[in-house]
């Protein structure tokens, strides 16, 4: 059916309506900084291994080296490394405890030879720090190794309490004979090793074992190499202070001349 001239004219004057641009809903706009990964690609990415997994999978020599940073006994490190893989951090700590209880006096001496003393917070003033330094020197001269003390979490978080406990422990342990102090030091080393292993394996807390509280690797002094004695380690003092020679009364007390 043919169109009339009028209809043809109307059709010829129609205005074309432009197509609307395609839009994406606001919540579908990608973040410019986000990687453009599909859900399939993201799900295929392997998770990073945990610190414990990396320790379990490390070559024996690498695992032993890491363990030697926790306890300087080669026999202890070889034994703990040989029992890998450990399913949990708790299993690793149990194996470390068992190996620590079996340390011979020679193993303990080897481990203690690699220990250095670490500083507490700068609290208590010159008199206290000078007395602390002298007590440590007396301890090291008597027993031949650094003074080790594992503080529980609450005490370590309070510098004043940590300082008080350190001084009290030094006074008490200076009264030990060599056999008594060897037993105490071995236990302190075992607790410090647990804390170091937790850090190595990525656990949340270190238990002292046998119902103990979490322990922190806090020891008594900051090691500094003494220029007048090659290879010796002497505890440091706070900056801006001068060393004063204290006097030991033989009963666990130290006094500093000219100071209260």
C-alpha atoms as a PDB file:
ATOM      1  CA  UNK A   1       0.000   0.000   0.000  1.00  0.00           C
ATOM      2  CA  UNK A   2       1.523   3.268  -1.107  1.00  0.00           C
ATOM      3  CA  UNK A   3       1.973   6.095   1.405  1.00  0.00           C
ATOM      4  CA  UNK A   4       0.398   9.430   0.823  1.00  0.00           C
ATOM      5  CA  UNK A   5       2.638  12.437   0.100  1.00  0.00           C
ATOM      6  CA  UNK A   6       1.819  13.866   3.566  1.00  0.00           C
ATOM      7  CA  UNK A   7       2.916  10.705   5.406  1.00  0.00           C
ATOM      8  CA  UNK A   8       6.160  10.606   3.427  1.00  0.00           C
ATOM      9  CA  UNK A   9       6.881  14.205   4.410  1.00  0.00           C
ATOM     10  CA  UNK A  10       6.328  13.453   8.128  1.00  0.00           C
ATOM     11  CA  UNK A  11       8.655  10.473   7.965  1.00  0.00           C
ATOM     12  CA  UNK A  12      11.320  12.529   6.249  1.00  0.00           C
ATOM     13  CA  UNK A  13      11.322  15.165   9.021  1.00  0.00           C
ATOM     14  CA  UNK A  14      11.631  12.772  12.032  1.00  0.00           C
ATOM     15  CA  UNK A  15      14.622  13.568  14.338  1.00  0.00           C
ATOM     16  CA  UNK A  16      16.818  10.615  15.211  1.00  0.00           C
ATOM     17  CA  UNK A  17      16.975  10.061  18.996  1.00  0.00           C
ATOM     18  CA  UNK A  18      20.597   9.513  20.068  1.00  0.00           C
ATOM     19  CA  UNK A  19      21.329   6.198  21.778  1.00  0.00           C
ATOM     20  CA  UNK A  20      21.857   6.441  25.546  1.00  0.00           C
ATOM     21  CA  UNK A  21      25.387   5.591  26.600  1.00  0.00           C
ATOM     22  CA  UNK A  22      25.717   2.373  28.537  1.00  0.00           C
ATOM     23  CA  UNK A  23      26.287   3.054  32.229  1.00  0.00           C
ATOM     24  CA  UNK A  24      27.552   0.891  35.067  1.00  0.00           C
ATOM     25  CA  UNK A  25      25.752   0.986  38.407  1.00  0.00           C
ATOM     26  CA  UNK A  26      27.781   2.970  40.965  1.00  0.00           C
ATOM     27  CA  UNK A  27      28.485  -0.084  43.086  1.00  0.00           C
ATOM     28  CA  UNK A  28      29.994  -1.870  40.087  1.00  0.00           C
ATOM     29  CA  UNK A  29      32.626   0.759  39.302  1.00  0.00           C
ATOM     30  CA  UNK A  30      36.081  -0.755  39.898  1.00  0.00           C
ATOM     31  CA  UNK A  31      38.472   0.823  42.364  1.00  0.00           C
ATOM     32  CA  UNK A  32      41.249   2.416  40.253  1.00  0.00           C
ATOM     33  CA  UNK A  33      43.840   1.192  42.731  1.00  0.00           C
ATOM     34  CA  UNK A  34      42.496  -2.338  43.035  1.00  0.00           C
ATOM     35  CA  UNK A  35      43.974  -5.166  40.959  1.00  0.00           C
ATOM     36  CA  UNK A  36      41.640  -6.264  38.198  1.00  0.00           C
ATOM     37  CA  UNK A  37      41.384  -9.927  39.115  1.00  0.00           C
ATOM     38  CA  UNK A  38      38.482 -12.169  38.379  1.00  0.00           C
ATOM     39  CA  UNK A  39      37.113 -14.309  41.166  1.00  0.00           C
ATOM     40  CA  UNK A  40      38.677 -17.332  39.500  1.00  0.00           C
ATOM     41  CA  UNK A  41      42.117 -15.697  39.416  1.00  0.00           C
ATOM     42  CA  UNK A  42      41.907 -14.569  43.063  1.00  0.00           C
ATOM     43  CA  UNK A  43      40.849 -17.991  44.274  1.00  0.00           C
ATOM     44  CA  UNK A  44      43.797 -19.599  42.476  1.00  0.00           C
ATOM     45  CA  UNK A  45      46.429 -17.521  44.356  1.00  0.00           C
ATOM     46  CA  UNK A  46      48.152 -19.792  46.918  1.00  0.00           C
ATOM     47  CA  UNK A  47      48.129 -18.543  50.538  1.00  0.00           C
ATOM     48  CA  UNK A  48      51.461 -17.518  52.014  1.00  0.00           C
ATOM     49  CA  UNK A  49      52.940 -20.223  54.251  1.00  0.00           C
ATOM     50  CA  UNK A  50      52.887 -19.608  57.982  1.00  0.00           C
ATOM     51  CA  UNK A  51      56.175 -19.089  59.863  1.00  0.00           C
ATOM     52  CA  UNK A  52      55.789 -22.568  61.357  1.00  0.00           C
ATOM     53  CA  UNK A  53      55.325 -24.071  57.882  1.00  0.00           C
ATOM     54  CA  UNK A  54      58.417 -22.283  56.605  1.00  0.00           C
ATOM     55  CA  UNK A  55      60.372 -23.592  59.591  1.00  0.00           C
ATOM     56  CA  UNK A  56      59.107 -27.125  58.988  1.00  0.00           C
ATOM     57  CA  UNK A  57      60.049 -26.972  55.304  1.00  0.00           C
ATOM     58  CA  UNK A  58      63.462 -25.330  55.721  1.00  0.00           C
ATOM     59  CA  UNK A  59      66.586 -27.363  54.905  1.00  0.00           C
ATOM     60  CA  UNK A  60      68.132 -28.959  58.015  1.00  0.00           C
ATOM     61  CA  UNK A  61      71.100 -26.573  58.078  1.00  0.00           C
ATOM     62  CA  UNK A  62      68.835 -23.507  57.833  1.00  0.00           C
ATOM     63  CA  UNK A  63      66.522 -24.819  60.558  1.00  0.00           C
ATOM     64  CA  UNK A  64      69.453 -25.508  62.875  1.00  0.00           C
ATOM     65  CA  UNK A  65      70.835 -22.017  62.275  1.00  0.00           C
ATOM     66  CA  UNK A  66      67.468 -20.490  63.205  1.00  0.00           C
ATOM     67  CA  UNK A  67      67.282 -22.662  66.314  1.00  0.00           C
ATOM     68  CA  UNK A  68      70.802 -21.706  67.381  1.00  0.00           C
ATOM     69  CA  UNK A  69      69.529 -18.131  67.689  1.00  0.00           C
ATOM     70  CA  UNK A  70      67.091 -19.453  70.313  1.00  0.00           C
ATOM     71  CA  UNK A  71      69.538 -21.659  72.208  1.00  0.00           C
ATOM     72  CA  UNK A  72      73.253 -21.844  71.462  1.00  0.00           C
ATOM     73  CA  UNK A  73      73.617 -25.587  72.022  1.00  0.00           C
ATOM     74  CA  UNK A  74      74.312 -27.451  68.769  1.00  0.00           C
ATOM     75  CA  UNK A  75      72.963 -30.713  70.188  1.00  0.00           C
ATOM     76  CA  UNK A  76      69.729 -29.006  71.257  1.00  0.00           C
ATOM     77  CA  UNK A  77      69.315 -27.383  67.825  1.00  0.00           C
ATOM     78  CA  UNK A  78      69.966 -30.633  65.937  1.00  0.00           C
ATOM     79  CA  UNK A  79      67.517 -32.540  68.104  1.00  0.00           C
ATOM     80  CA  UNK A  80      64.690 -30.019  67.718  1.00  0.00           C
ATOM     81  CA  UNK A  81      65.299 -29.725  63.966  1.00  0.00           C
ATOM     82  CA  UNK A  82      65.354 -33.506  63.523  1.00  0.00           C
ATOM     83  CA  UNK A  83      61.830 -33.913  64.938  1.00  0.00           C
ATOM     84  CA  UNK A  84      60.179 -31.700  62.311  1.00  0.00           C
ATOM     85  CA  UNK A  85      57.515 -31.240  61.063  1.00  0.00           C
ATOM     86  CA  UNK A  86      55.616 -29.880  64.050  1.00  0.00           C
ATOM     87  CA  UNK A  87      51.829 -29.641  63.659  1.00  0.00           C
ATOM     88  CA  UNK A  88      51.508 -26.712  66.082  1.00  0.00           C
ATOM     89  CA  UNK A  89      53.668 -24.197  67.919  1.00  0.00           C
ATOM     90  CA  UNK A  90      52.736 -25.988  71.148  1.00  0.00           C
ATOM     91  CA  UNK A  91      54.222 -29.224  69.786  1.00  0.00           C
ATOM     92  CA  UNK A  92      57.429 -27.372  68.907  1.00  0.00           C
ATOM     93  CA  UNK A  93      57.629 -25.904  72.418  1.00  0.00           C
ATOM     94  CA  UNK A  94      57.095 -29.327  73.997  1.00  0.00           C
ATOM     95  CA  UNK A  95      59.943 -30.802  71.946  1.00  0.00           C
ATOM     96  CA  UNK A  96      62.171 -27.844  72.839  1.00  0.00           C
ATOM     97  CA  UNK A  97      61.421 -28.293  76.543  1.00  0.00           C
ATOM     98  CA  UNK A  98      62.272 -31.987  76.393  1.00  0.00           C
ATOM     99  CA  UNK A  99      65.573 -31.236  74.661  1.00  0.00           C
ATOM    100  CA  UNK A 100      66.335 -28.470  77.184  1.00  0.00           C
ATOM    101  CA  UNK A 101      65.782 -30.784  80.146  1.00  0.00           C
ATOM    102  CA  UNK A 102      68.356 -33.167  78.640  1.00  0.00           C
ATOM    103  CA  UNK A 103      71.121 -30.562  78.279  1.00  0.00           C
ATOM    104  CA  UNK A 104      74.389 -31.754  79.773  1.00  0.00           C
ATOM    105  CA  UNK A 105      76.619 -29.342  81.705  1.00  0.00           C
ATOM    106  CA  UNK A 106      78.732 -29.086  78.546  1.00  0.00           C
ATOM    107  CA  UNK A 107      75.667 -28.303  76.409  1.00  0.00           C
ATOM    108  CA  UNK A 108      74.574 -25.646  78.882  1.00  0.00           C
ATOM    109  CA  UNK A 109      78.039 -24.072  78.931  1.00  0.00           C
ATOM    110  CA  UNK A 110      78.013 -23.962  75.120  1.00  0.00           C
ATOM    111  CA  UNK A 111      74.603 -22.286  75.097  1.00  0.00           C
ATOM    112  CA  UNK A 112      75.555 -19.757  77.776  1.00  0.00           C
ATOM    113  CA  UNK A 113      78.733 -18.803  75.914  1.00  0.00           C
ATOM    114  CA  UNK A 114      76.547 -17.255  73.213  1.00  0.00           C
ATOM    115  CA  UNK A 115      74.315 -15.329  75.599  1.00  0.00           C
ATOM    116  CA  UNK A 116      74.764 -11.603  76.128  1.00  0.00           C
ATOM    117  CA  UNK A 117      73.112  -9.400  78.692  1.00  0.00           C
ATOM    118  CA  UNK A 118      70.336  -7.028  77.639  1.00  0.00           C
ATOM    119  CA  UNK A 119      69.374  -3.668  79.103  1.00  0.00           C
ATOM    120  CA  UNK A 120      66.306  -2.875  81.134  1.00  0.00           C
ATOM    121  CA  UNK A 121      64.560   0.459  80.726  1.00  0.00           C
ATOM    122  CA  UNK A 122      66.390   3.525  82.003  1.00  0.00           C
ATOM    123  CA  UNK A 123      64.740   3.734  85.414  1.00  0.00           C
ATOM    124  CA  UNK A 124      66.081   4.207  88.901  1.00  0.00           C
ATOM    125  CA  UNK A 125      68.844   6.734  88.281  1.00  0.00           C
ATOM    126  CA  UNK A 126      72.603   6.461  88.283  1.00  0.00           C
ATOM    127  CA  UNK A 127      72.894   4.815  91.694  1.00  0.00           C
ATOM    128  CA  UNK A 128      70.645   1.901  90.784  1.00  0.00           C
ATOM    129  CA  UNK A 129      72.209   1.352  87.370  1.00  0.00           C
ATOM    130  CA  UNK A 130      75.709   1.503  88.814  1.00  0.00           C
ATOM    131  CA  UNK A 131      74.777  -1.058  91.459  1.00  0.00           C
ATOM    132  CA  UNK A 132      73.159  -3.212  88.781  1.00  0.00           C
ATOM    133  CA  UNK A 133      76.277  -3.050  86.671  1.00  0.00           C
ATOM    134  CA  UNK A 134      78.500  -4.006  89.582  1.00  0.00           C
ATOM    135  CA  UNK A 135      76.221  -6.875  90.595  1.00  0.00           C
ATOM    136  CA  UNK A 136      76.360  -8.240  87.075  1.00  0.00           C
ATOM    137  CA  UNK A 137      80.148  -7.986  86.997  1.00  0.00           C
ATOM    138  CA  UNK A 138      80.339  -9.859  90.309  1.00  0.00           C
ATOM    139  CA  UNK A 139      77.933 -12.517  89.014  1.00  0.00           C
ATOM    140  CA  UNK A 140      79.886 -13.017  85.788  1.00  0.00           C
ATOM    141  CA  UNK A 141      83.178 -13.216  87.668  1.00  0.00           C
ATOM    142  CA  UNK A 142      81.745 -15.840  90.015  1.00  0.00           C
ATOM    143  CA  UNK A 143      79.885 -18.053  87.533  1.00  0.00           C
ATOM    144  CA  UNK A 144      81.628 -17.305  84.231  1.00  0.00           C
ATOM    145  CA  UNK A 145      78.578 -16.471  82.124  1.00  0.00           C
ATOM    146  CA  UNK A 146      75.922 -13.812  81.592  1.00  0.00           C
ATOM    147  CA  UNK A 147      73.085 -13.426  84.071  1.00  0.00           C
ATOM    148  CA  UNK A 148      69.828 -14.678  82.535  1.00  0.00           C
ATOM    149  CA  UNK A 149      66.382 -13.831  83.843  1.00  0.00           C
ATOM    150  CA  UNK A 150      63.061 -14.542  82.140  1.00  0.00           C
ATOM    151  CA  UNK A 151      60.464 -12.035  83.341  1.00  0.00           C
ATOM    152  CA  UNK A 152      56.768 -12.745  83.082  1.00  0.00           C
ATOM    153  CA  UNK A 153      54.653 -10.526  80.846  1.00  0.00           C
ATOM    154  CA  UNK A 154      53.215  -8.329  83.600  1.00  0.00           C
ATOM    155  CA  UNK A 155      56.588  -7.654  85.222  1.00  0.00           C
ATOM    156  CA  UNK A 156      58.335  -6.973  81.916  1.00  0.00           C
ATOM    157  CA  UNK A 157      55.662  -4.407  81.026  1.00  0.00           C
ATOM    158  CA  UNK A 158      56.469  -2.418  84.192  1.00  0.00           C
ATOM    159  CA  UNK A 159      60.064  -1.079  84.041  1.00  0.00           C
ATOM    160  CA  UNK A 160      60.220  -0.369  87.765  1.00  0.00           C
ATOM    161  CA  UNK A 161      58.985  -3.865  88.644  1.00  0.00           C
ATOM    162  CA  UNK A 162      61.398  -5.418  86.146  1.00  0.00           C
ATOM    163  CA  UNK A 163      64.303  -3.536  87.698  1.00  0.00           C
ATOM    164  CA  UNK A 164      63.276  -4.539  91.219  1.00  0.00           C
ATOM    165  CA  UNK A 165      62.938  -8.207  90.283  1.00  0.00           C
ATOM    166  CA  UNK A 166      66.276  -8.191  88.477  1.00  0.00           C
ATOM    167  CA  UNK A 167      68.092  -6.745  91.480  1.00  0.00           C
ATOM    168  CA  UNK A 168      66.353  -9.144  93.863  1.00  0.00           C
ATOM    169  CA  UNK A 169      67.216 -12.130  91.664  1.00  0.00           C
ATOM    170  CA  UNK A 170      70.838 -11.057  91.387  1.00  0.00           C
ATOM    171  CA  UNK A 171      71.169 -10.720  95.159  1.00  0.00           C
ATOM    172  CA  UNK A 172      69.606 -14.136  95.736  1.00  0.00           C
ATOM    173  CA  UNK A 173      71.536 -15.956  93.039  1.00  0.00           C
ATOM    174  CA  UNK A 174      74.893 -14.498  94.023  1.00  0.00           C
ATOM    175  CA  UNK A 175      74.499 -16.608  97.164  1.00  0.00           C
ATOM    176  CA  UNK A 176      74.262 -19.857  95.174  1.00  0.00           C
ATOM    177  CA  UNK A 177      77.086 -22.275  94.662  1.00  0.00           C
ATOM    178  CA  UNK A 178      77.919 -23.359  91.110  1.00  0.00           C
ATOM    179  CA  UNK A 179      75.662 -26.417  91.110  1.00  0.00           C
ATOM    180  CA  UNK A 180      72.665 -24.509  92.469  1.00  0.00           C
ATOM    181  CA  UNK A 181      73.100 -21.688  89.978  1.00  0.00           C
ATOM    182  CA  UNK A 182      73.520 -24.107  87.071  1.00  0.00           C
ATOM    183  CA  UNK A 183      70.043 -25.511  87.767  1.00  0.00           C
ATOM    184  CA  UNK A 184      68.481 -22.041  88.029  1.00  0.00           C
ATOM    185  CA  UNK A 185      70.229 -20.771  84.899  1.00  0.00           C
ATOM    186  CA  UNK A 186      69.166 -23.821  82.879  1.00  0.00           C
ATOM    187  CA  UNK A 187      65.538 -23.140  83.789  1.00  0.00           C
ATOM    188  CA  UNK A 188      65.821 -19.453  82.880  1.00  0.00           C
ATOM    189  CA  UNK A 189      67.393 -20.400  79.546  1.00  0.00           C
ATOM    190  CA  UNK A 190      64.592 -22.896  78.851  1.00  0.00           C
ATOM    191  CA  UNK A 191      61.976 -20.196  79.417  1.00  0.00           C
ATOM    192  CA  UNK A 192      63.833 -17.696  77.238  1.00  0.00           C
ATOM    193  CA  UNK A 193      64.088 -20.316  74.489  1.00  0.00           C
ATOM    194  CA  UNK A 194      60.315 -20.739  74.523  1.00  0.00           C
ATOM    195  CA  UNK A 195      59.810 -17.027  73.929  1.00  0.00           C
ATOM    196  CA  UNK A 196      62.308 -16.997  71.089  1.00  0.00           C
ATOM    197  CA  UNK A 197      60.717 -20.056  69.484  1.00  0.00           C
ATOM    198  CA  UNK A 198      57.287 -18.430  69.613  1.00  0.00           C
ATOM    199  CA  UNK A 199      58.695 -15.442  67.749  1.00  0.00           C
ATOM    200  CA  UNK A 200      60.380 -17.755  65.250  1.00  0.00           C
ATOM    201  CA  UNK A 201      57.288 -19.865  64.605  1.00  0.00           C
ATOM    202  CA  UNK A 202      54.720 -17.071  64.754  1.00  0.00           C
ATOM    203  CA  UNK A 203      52.778 -18.149  67.829  1.00  0.00           C
ATOM    204  CA  UNK A 204      50.730 -15.754  69.929  1.00  0.00           C
ATOM    205  CA  UNK A 205      52.281 -16.282  73.346  1.00  0.00           C
ATOM    206  CA  UNK A 206      55.000 -18.201  75.108  1.00  0.00           C
ATOM    207  CA  UNK A 207      54.070 -20.292  78.082  1.00  0.00           C
ATOM    208  CA  UNK A 208      56.635 -21.040  80.724  1.00  0.00           C
ATOM    209  CA  UNK A 209      55.414 -24.615  80.934  1.00  0.00           C
ATOM    210  CA  UNK A 210      53.944 -26.409  83.937  1.00  0.00           C
ATOM    211  CA  UNK A 211      51.247 -23.760  84.263  1.00  0.00           C
ATOM    212  CA  UNK A 212      53.691 -20.855  84.028  1.00  0.00           C
ATOM    213  CA  UNK A 213      52.784 -17.484  82.606  1.00  0.00           C
ATOM    214  CA  UNK A 214      54.044 -16.064  79.358  1.00  0.00           C
ATOM    215  CA  UNK A 215      57.732 -15.204  79.453  1.00  0.00           C
ATOM    216  CA  UNK A 216      59.583 -12.419  77.705  1.00  0.00           C
ATOM    217  CA  UNK A 217      63.193 -12.491  76.635  1.00  0.00           C
ATOM    218  CA  UNK A 218      64.280  -9.805  79.085  1.00  0.00           C
ATOM    219  CA  UNK A 219      67.711  -9.996  80.603  1.00  0.00           C
ATOM    220  CA  UNK A 220      69.614  -7.607  82.773  1.00  0.00           C
ATOM    221  CA  UNK A 221      72.015  -5.409  80.836  1.00  0.00           C
ATOM    222  CA  UNK A 222      72.922  -3.898  77.471  1.00  0.00           C
ATOM    223  CA  UNK A 223      76.046  -5.588  76.058  1.00  0.00           C
ATOM    224  CA  UNK A 224      78.876  -3.315  74.966  1.00  0.00           C
ATOM    225  CA  UNK A 225      82.350  -4.361  73.875  1.00  0.00           C
ATOM    226  CA  UNK A 226      84.936  -3.015  76.275  1.00  0.00           C
ATOM    227  CA  UNK A 227      87.881  -1.436  74.411  1.00  0.00           C
ATOM    228  CA  UNK A 228      90.321  -2.261  77.207  1.00  0.00           C
ATOM    229  CA  UNK A 229      89.473  -5.980  77.315  1.00  0.00           C
ATOM    230  CA  UNK A 230      89.241  -7.573  73.880  1.00  0.00           C
ATOM    231  CA  UNK A 231      86.202  -9.774  73.554  1.00  0.00           C
ATOM    232  CA  UNK A 232      84.782  -8.934  76.979  1.00  0.00           C
ATOM    233  CA  UNK A 233      81.221  -7.766  77.499  1.00  0.00           C
ATOM    234  CA  UNK A 234      80.412  -5.114  80.034  1.00  0.00           C
ATOM    235  CA  UNK A 235      76.994  -3.702  80.835  1.00  0.00           C
ATOM    236  CA  UNK A 236      76.197  -0.193  79.628  1.00  0.00           C
ATOM    237  CA  UNK A 237      75.040   2.801  81.611  1.00  0.00           C
ATOM    238  CA  UNK A 238      72.505   5.442  80.570  1.00  0.00           C
ATOM    239  CA  UNK A 239      73.909   8.158  78.334  1.00  0.00           C
ATOM    240  CA  UNK A 240      75.455  11.147  80.073  1.00  0.00           C
ATOM    241  CA  UNK A 241      76.373   9.223  83.237  1.00  0.00           C
ATOM    242  CA  UNK A 242      79.759   8.371  84.695  1.00  0.00           C
ATOM    243  CA  UNK A 243      80.757   5.085  86.219  1.00  0.00           C
ATOM    244  CA  UNK A 244      81.270   5.057  89.987  1.00  0.00           C
ATOM    245  CA  UNK A 245      82.824   2.008  91.628  1.00  0.00           C
ATOM    246  CA  UNK A 246      80.330   0.564  94.134  1.00  0.00           C
ATOM    247  CA  UNK A 247      81.225  -1.523  97.148  1.00  0.00           C
ATOM    248  CA  UNK A 248      79.823  -4.996  97.780  1.00  0.00           C
ATOM    249  CA  UNK A 249      79.277  -5.903 101.431  1.00  0.00           C
ATOM    250  CA  UNK A 250      79.293  -9.668 100.843  1.00  0.00           C
ATOM    251  CA  UNK A 251      75.645 -10.005 101.900  1.00  0.00           C
ATOM    252  CA  UNK A 252      74.020  -9.122  98.581  1.00  0.00           C
ATOM    253  CA  UNK A 253      74.026  -5.337  99.083  1.00  0.00           C
ATOM    254  CA  UNK A 254      75.838  -2.702  97.036  1.00  0.00           C
ATOM    255  CA  UNK A 255      76.610   0.860  98.085  1.00  0.00           C
ATOM    256  CA  UNK A 256      77.933   3.712  95.953  1.00  0.00           C
ATOM    257  CA  UNK A 257      80.416   6.033  97.689  1.00  0.00           C
ATOM    258  CA  UNK A 258      79.065   9.540  98.131  1.00  0.00           C
ATOM    259  CA  UNK A 259      75.489   8.542  97.248  1.00  0.00           C
ATOM    260  CA  UNK A 260      72.513   7.471  99.310  1.00  0.00           C
END
